[in-house]
Amino acid sequence: MQSIMRRVILVSSLAFCLAGSPVFAGPNDSLEREQVWSLLKRGGVALLLRHGQTEPGIGDPDGFKLDDCSTQRNLSAAGRSELRGVAARVAGAKVKFARAYTSRWCRCQETARLVMGAQGGVEVWPALNSQFPGNATIPSANPQVIEKLRHMPVTESWLLVTHQVNITALTAIVPAMGEGVLVQPSADGITVIGRVKL
């Protein structure tokens, strides 16, 4: 099982190329915004986005409840403002996400709604819920996410808003708040195209 998972979450270190698109130097490089727009409009890619900037803290307060945003660590005013700017840039670039999935955490749901703006259509998907460890356990990539991405239509681009630990488990990249990783499904998992800061 572990060897299968290693194959599934294999991150390509080779240059990535799409016909008519630039060649990227490596999967840990940041992509230029115009490259991101081009790839998202072409389809067949997914943006794994970490929630926006939050109020200070790590994790959530003790005793937090998923159905009560007031008990969680939420987006800050600066984070909301930044995400509104992202939404404006996405709309200005005429990028449309065919689907938008989010963790149940309020900061992720709000991030997804703000980025999608008038596009709407945000769906809560528990497979994106935080795997933030309560002990020394290192989270592993969620096979549900990998399997869903493998069946993404090549004509569509998806937005998945989740948490740092989940994105790191899937891609080996540690994104900052509001930063994402663009990935492409492959026959045996996902391939990282590059980091994204919108």
Protein backbone atom coordinates (compact mmCIF):
# COMPACT_ATOMS: atom_id res chain seq x y z
CA MET A 1 0.00 0.00 0.00
CA GLN A 2 2.83 2.41 0.88
CA SER A 3 4.58 1.81 -2.42
CA ILE A 4 1.30 2.54 -4.24
CA MET A 5 0.86 5.77 -2.28
CA ARG A 6 4.47 6.76 -3.02
CA ARG A 7 3.74 6.30 -6.72
CA VAL A 8 0.45 8.17 -6.43
CA ILE A 9 1.92 11.25 -4.76
CA LEU A 10 5.07 11.25 -6.85
CA VAL A 11 5.94 14.83 -7.73
CA SER A 12 7.71 15.22 -11.04
CA SER A 13 11.00 17.08 -10.92
CA LEU A 14 11.17 17.28 -14.70
CA ALA A 15 10.27 20.37 -16.70
CA PHE A 16 6.56 20.52 -17.50
CA CYS A 17 5.32 21.47 -20.93
CA LEU A 18 1.91 21.91 -22.54
CA ALA A 19 1.57 22.54 -26.26
CA GLY A 20 1.56 26.28 -26.79
CA SER A 21 2.47 26.97 -23.15
CA PRO A 22 5.79 28.00 -21.59
CA VAL A 23 8.18 25.38 -20.23
CA PHE A 24 8.57 25.59 -16.47
CA ALA A 25 11.89 25.05 -14.76
CA GLY A 26 10.62 22.89 -11.93
CA PRO A 27 7.59 22.02 -9.77
CA ASN A 28 8.68 24.13 -6.79
CA ASP A 29 9.01 27.32 -8.89
CA SER A 30 6.43 30.10 -8.72
CA LEU A 31 4.48 30.55 -11.92
CA GLU A 32 3.95 33.92 -13.56
CA ARG A 33 0.35 35.07 -13.27
CA GLU A 34 -0.17 35.02 -17.04
CA GLN A 35 1.03 31.41 -17.16
CA VAL A 36 -1.51 30.52 -14.47
CA TRP A 37 -4.36 32.22 -16.34
CA SER A 38 -3.38 30.44 -19.56
CA LEU A 39 -3.30 27.01 -17.94
CA LEU A 40 -6.54 27.52 -16.01
CA LYS A 41 -8.36 28.64 -19.16
CA ARG A 42 -7.00 25.68 -21.10
CA GLY A 43 -8.32 23.18 -18.53
CA GLY A 44 -7.14 19.87 -17.15
CA VAL A 45 -5.53 21.46 -14.07
CA ALA A 46 -6.53 22.02 -10.45
CA LEU A 47 -5.50 24.81 -8.09
CA LEU A 48 -4.90 23.54 -4.56
CA LEU A 49 -5.29 26.77 -2.60
CA ARG A 50 -4.46 27.29 1.05
CA HIS A 51 -7.04 29.44 2.83
CA GLY A 52 -6.37 33.17 3.03
CA GLN A 53 -4.58 35.10 5.77
CA THR A 54 -6.13 34.48 9.18
CA GLU A 55 -6.09 36.06 12.59
CA PRO A 56 -2.86 35.13 14.42
CA GLY A 57 -2.55 31.59 15.71
CA ILE A 58 -1.87 27.99 14.78
CA GLY A 59 -4.62 25.43 14.37
CA ASP A 60 -7.86 26.20 16.19
CA PRO A 61 -8.76 26.97 19.81
CA ASP A 62 -9.46 24.02 22.09
CA GLY A 63 -13.06 22.88 21.85
CA PHE A 64 -13.71 24.51 18.46
CA LYS A 65 -16.79 23.36 16.53
CA LEU A 66 -16.99 23.00 12.76
CA ASP A 67 -20.57 24.26 12.71
CA ASP A 68 -19.73 27.39 14.72
CA CYS A 69 -17.37 29.83 13.01
CA SER A 70 -17.05 31.91 16.19
CA THR A 71 -15.08 29.05 17.80
CA GLN A 72 -12.52 28.78 14.97
CA ARG A 73 -9.51 30.74 13.74
CA ASN A 74 -10.96 32.76 10.88
CA LEU A 75 -9.82 35.04 8.07
CA SER A 76 -8.49 38.44 9.08
CA ALA A 77 -9.74 41.69 7.55
CA ALA A 78 -6.48 41.86 5.56
CA GLY A 79 -7.02 38.30 4.36
CA ARG A 80 -10.54 39.09 3.15
CA SER A 81 -9.32 42.20 1.34
CA GLU A 82 -6.54 40.25 -0.36
CA LEU A 83 -8.98 37.55 -1.49
CA ARG A 84 -11.35 40.15 -2.95
CA GLY A 85 -8.39 41.34 -5.00
CA VAL A 86 -7.75 37.76 -6.14
CA ALA A 87 -11.40 37.43 -7.19
CA ALA A 88 -11.15 40.63 -9.21
CA ARG A 89 -8.01 39.39 -10.97
CA VAL A 90 -9.60 35.98 -11.68
CA ALA A 91 -12.67 37.68 -13.15
CA GLY A 92 -10.54 40.15 -15.11
CA ALA A 93 -8.57 37.26 -16.63
CA LYS A 94 -11.88 35.57 -17.56
CA VAL A 95 -10.89 32.42 -15.67
CA LYS A 96 -13.79 30.16 -14.77
CA PHE A 97 -13.53 27.24 -12.39
CA ALA A 98 -15.88 24.44 -13.41
CA ARG A 99 -15.95 23.25 -9.79
CA ALA A 100 -14.91 24.67 -6.45
CA TYR A 101 -14.48 22.40 -3.44
CA THR A 102 -13.64 23.43 0.11
CA SER A 103 -12.87 22.04 3.52
CA ARG A 104 -15.61 22.39 6.16
CA TRP A 105 -13.49 24.91 8.10
CA CYS A 106 -15.00 28.40 7.96
CA ARG A 107 -11.74 30.04 6.81
CA CYS A 108 -11.64 27.70 3.81
CA GLN A 109 -15.31 28.15 2.95
CA GLU A 110 -15.00 31.92 3.11
CA THR A 111 -11.82 31.81 1.00
CA ALA A 112 -13.58 29.73 -1.66
CA ARG A 113 -16.63 32.02 -1.72
CA LEU A 114 -14.51 35.16 -1.97
CA VAL A 115 -12.30 33.77 -4.77
CA MET A 116 -15.25 32.43 -6.74
CA GLY A 117 -17.18 35.70 -6.38
CA ALA A 118 -20.04 35.84 -8.88
CA GLN A 119 -19.15 32.38 -10.20
CA GLY A 120 -20.59 30.85 -7.01
CA GLY A 121 -21.04 27.09 -6.88
CA VAL A 122 -18.83 26.29 -3.86
CA GLU A 123 -19.20 22.74 -2.55
CA VAL A 124 -18.06 21.56 0.89
CA TRP A 125 -16.08 18.33 0.57
CA PRO A 126 -14.92 16.67 3.82
CA ALA A 127 -11.97 15.01 2.04
CA LEU A 128 -10.34 18.48 2.15
CA ASN A 129 -10.80 18.85 5.93
CA SER A 130 -7.73 19.72 7.99
CA GLN A 131 -5.40 16.88 8.91
CA PHE A 132 -3.54 19.15 11.34
CA PRO A 133 -1.95 16.65 13.72
CA GLY A 134 -2.78 16.62 17.37
CA ASN A 135 0.42 14.63 17.89
CA ALA A 136 3.63 13.87 16.01
CA THR A 137 1.83 12.05 13.22
CA ILE A 138 2.68 13.32 9.74
CA PRO A 139 -0.47 13.44 7.58
CA SER A 140 -0.48 11.38 4.41
CA ALA A 141 -2.03 12.30 1.08
CA ASN A 142 -5.76 11.67 1.00
CA PRO A 143 -6.40 9.04 -1.71
CA GLN A 144 -9.95 10.40 -2.20
CA VAL A 145 -8.54 13.71 -3.40
CA ILE A 146 -6.08 12.03 -5.74
CA GLU A 147 -8.74 9.75 -7.18
CA LYS A 148 -11.18 12.62 -7.77
CA LEU A 149 -8.50 14.68 -9.52
CA ARG A 150 -7.57 11.74 -11.73
CA HIS A 151 -11.12 11.81 -13.12
CA MET A 152 -11.26 15.56 -13.70
CA PRO A 153 -12.31 16.31 -17.30
CA VAL A 154 -9.44 17.69 -19.39
CA THR A 155 -11.64 20.62 -20.42
CA GLU A 156 -12.23 21.76 -16.82
CA SER A 157 -10.19 23.58 -14.17
CA TRP A 158 -11.01 23.10 -10.50
CA LEU A 159 -10.41 25.08 -7.33
CA LEU A 160 -9.77 23.11 -4.12
CA VAL A 161 -9.46 25.23 -0.98
CA THR A 162 -7.86 23.41 1.92
CA HIS A 163 -5.11 23.55 4.55
CA GLN A 164 -1.31 23.67 4.45
CA VAL A 165 -0.82 20.16 5.84
CA ASN A 166 -3.10 18.67 3.20
CA ILE A 167 -1.39 20.47 0.32
CA THR A 168 2.02 19.50 1.65
CA ALA A 169 0.98 15.86 1.95
CA LEU A 170 -0.19 15.91 -1.68
CA THR A 171 2.64 17.91 -3.25
CA ALA A 172 5.59 18.16 -0.80
CA ILE A 173 5.22 21.98 -1.03
CA VAL A 174 4.51 24.16 2.01
CA PRO A 175 2.33 27.05 0.77
CA ALA A 176 1.87 30.31 2.62
CA MET A 177 -1.65 31.44 3.47
CA GLY A 178 -3.37 32.48 0.26
CA GLU A 179 -0.79 30.65 -1.86
CA GLY A 180 -1.61 27.64 -4.00
CA VAL A 181 -0.10 24.83 -6.01
CA LEU A 182 -1.20 24.11 -9.56
CA VAL A 183 -1.38 20.39 -10.33
CA GLN A 184 -2.25 18.22 -13.29
CA PRO A 185 -3.81 14.78 -12.89
CA SER A 186 -1.86 11.88 -14.31
CA ALA A 187 -2.59 8.19 -14.80
CA ASP A 188 -0.98 7.25 -11.48
CA GLY A 189 -1.62 10.36 -9.39
CA ILE A 190 -0.91 14.08 -9.74
CA THR A 191 1.99 16.09 -11.12
CA VAL A 192 2.95 19.46 -9.67
CA ILE A 193 3.20 22.25 -12.26
CA GLY A 194 4.28 25.01 -9.86
CA ARG A 195 3.46 27.33 -6.99
CA VAL A 196 0.82 30.00 -7.47
CA LYS A 197 0.42 33.39 -5.79
CA LEU A 198 -2.59 35.18 -7.27
